[in-house]
Amino acid sequence: MELVINGETQQAPEGTTAAALLNRLGLENERLAIEVNQEIVPRSQFETYTFVPGDRIEIVRAIGGGSAKP
């Protein structure tokens, strides 16, 4: 099936879950958020959330940081 992941069209098997997609992309151990069609998928649902053809997926990695005081 066709999915749009971070603006790029990609193919994935029917029935692909959020967890399976992250595994396929090598991101299974990253701190990140997944948005599908402008709605956040809770991490607790990654194992069961199943994509459908045409889903628009944004994967955003959490990056720590800040500024040091001089």
C-alpha atoms as a PDB file:
ATOM      1  CA  MET A   1       0.000   0.000   0.000  1.00  0.00           C
ATOM      2  CA  GLU A   2       1.094   3.577  -0.521  1.00  0.00           C
ATOM      3  CA  LEU A   3       1.830   5.825   2.473  1.00  0.00           C
ATOM      4  CA  VAL A   4       3.207   9.354   2.623  1.00  0.00           C
ATOM      5  CA  ILE A   5       5.914   9.429   5.297  1.00  0.00           C
ATOM      6  CA  ASN A   6       7.409  12.832   6.125  1.00  0.00           C
ATOM      7  CA  GLY A   7       6.336  14.069   2.698  1.00  0.00           C
ATOM      8  CA  GLU A   8       7.795  11.107   0.773  1.00  0.00           C
ATOM      9  CA  THR A   9       5.615   8.463  -0.869  1.00  0.00           C
ATOM     10  CA  GLN A  10       6.636   4.961   0.219  1.00  0.00           C
ATOM     11  CA  GLN A  11       5.261   1.451  -0.141  1.00  0.00           C
ATOM     12  CA  ALA A  12       4.400  -0.708   2.874  1.00  0.00           C
ATOM     13  CA  PRO A  13       2.659  -4.063   3.264  1.00  0.00           C
ATOM     14  CA  GLU A  14      -1.085  -4.042   3.968  1.00  0.00           C
ATOM     15  CA  GLY A  15      -1.721  -4.189   7.711  1.00  0.00           C
ATOM     16  CA  THR A  16       1.488  -2.375   8.684  1.00  0.00           C
ATOM     17  CA  THR A  17       1.361  -1.148  12.277  1.00  0.00           C
ATOM     18  CA  ALA A  18       3.085   1.937  13.658  1.00  0.00           C
ATOM     19  CA  ALA A  19       5.526  -0.311  15.555  1.00  0.00           C
ATOM     20  CA  ALA A  20       6.326  -2.320  12.405  1.00  0.00           C
ATOM     21  CA  LEU A  21       6.953   0.857  10.417  1.00  0.00           C
ATOM     22  CA  LEU A  22       9.317   2.214  13.065  1.00  0.00           C
ATOM     23  CA  ASN A  23      11.144  -1.112  13.091  1.00  0.00           C
ATOM     24  CA  ARG A  24      11.438  -1.073   9.300  1.00  0.00           C
ATOM     25  CA  LEU A  25      12.868   2.461   9.446  1.00  0.00           C
ATOM     26  CA  GLY A  26      15.294   1.577  12.260  1.00  0.00           C
ATOM     27  CA  LEU A  27      13.576   3.977  14.662  1.00  0.00           C
ATOM     28  CA  GLU A  28      12.089   1.495  17.150  1.00  0.00           C
ATOM     29  CA  ASN A  29      14.292   2.696  20.035  1.00  0.00           C
ATOM     30  CA  GLU A  30      14.041   6.425  19.346  1.00  0.00           C
ATOM     31  CA  ARG A  31      12.094   8.985  21.336  1.00  0.00           C
ATOM     32  CA  LEU A  32       9.577  10.237  18.829  1.00  0.00           C
ATOM     33  CA  ALA A  33       5.993  11.086  18.028  1.00  0.00           C
ATOM     34  CA  ILE A  34       3.865   9.826  15.158  1.00  0.00           C
ATOM     35  CA  GLU A  35       1.137  11.926  13.592  1.00  0.00           C
ATOM     36  CA  VAL A  36      -1.268  10.347  11.114  1.00  0.00           C
ATOM     37  CA  ASN A  37      -3.521  12.614   9.078  1.00  0.00           C
ATOM     38  CA  GLN A  38      -2.857  15.434  11.574  1.00  0.00           C
ATOM     39  CA  GLU A  39      -3.708  13.356  14.664  1.00  0.00           C
ATOM     40  CA  ILE A  40      -1.138  12.113  17.196  1.00  0.00           C
ATOM     41  CA  VAL A  41      -0.972   8.349  17.725  1.00  0.00           C
ATOM     42  CA  PRO A  42      -0.281   7.630  21.421  1.00  0.00           C
ATOM     43  CA  ARG A  43       2.831   5.513  22.028  1.00  0.00           C
ATOM     44  CA  SER A  44       0.583   3.036  23.876  1.00  0.00           C
ATOM     45  CA  GLN A  45      -1.124   2.308  20.519  1.00  0.00           C
ATOM     46  CA  PHE A  46       2.008   1.825  18.355  1.00  0.00           C
ATOM     47  CA  GLU A  47       1.685  -1.988  18.490  1.00  0.00           C
ATOM     48  CA  THR A  48      -1.965  -2.001  17.391  1.00  0.00           C
ATOM     49  CA  TYR A  49      -2.402   1.135  15.265  1.00  0.00           C
ATOM     50  CA  THR A  50      -2.722  -0.050  11.645  1.00  0.00           C
ATOM     51  CA  PHE A  51      -2.172   2.270   8.699  1.00  0.00           C
ATOM     52  CA  VAL A  52      -4.501   2.380   5.705  1.00  0.00           C
ATOM     53  CA  PRO A  53      -3.560   3.252   2.112  1.00  0.00           C
ATOM     54  CA  GLY A  54      -3.038   6.969   1.608  1.00  0.00           C
ATOM     55  CA  ASP A  55      -2.285   7.794   5.248  1.00  0.00           C
ATOM     56  CA  ARG A  56      -0.102  10.876   5.655  1.00  0.00           C
ATOM     57  CA  ILE A  57       2.401  10.128   8.403  1.00  0.00           C
ATOM     58  CA  GLU A  58       4.784  12.519  10.114  1.00  0.00           C
ATOM     59  CA  ILE A  59       7.473  11.041  12.353  1.00  0.00           C
ATOM     60  CA  VAL A  60       9.118  13.591  14.628  1.00  0.00           C
ATOM     61  CA  ARG A  61      12.117  12.800  16.811  1.00  0.00           C
ATOM     62  CA  ALA A  62      12.395  14.376  20.257  1.00  0.00           C
ATOM     63  CA  ILE A  63      15.602  16.358  20.615  1.00  0.00           C
ATOM     64  CA  GLY A  64      16.765  17.637  23.985  1.00  0.00           C
ATOM     65  CA  GLY A  65      18.570  20.888  24.243  1.00  0.00           C
ATOM     66  CA  GLY A  66      18.570  24.354  25.557  1.00  0.00           C
ATOM     67  CA  SER A  67      20.971  27.167  25.987  1.00  0.00           C
ATOM     68  CA  ALA A  68      23.753  27.391  28.507  1.00  0.00           C
ATOM     69  CA  LYS A  69      23.898  30.523  30.604  1.00  0.00           C
ATOM     70  CA  PRO A  70      27.065  32.566  30.004  1.00  0.00           C
END
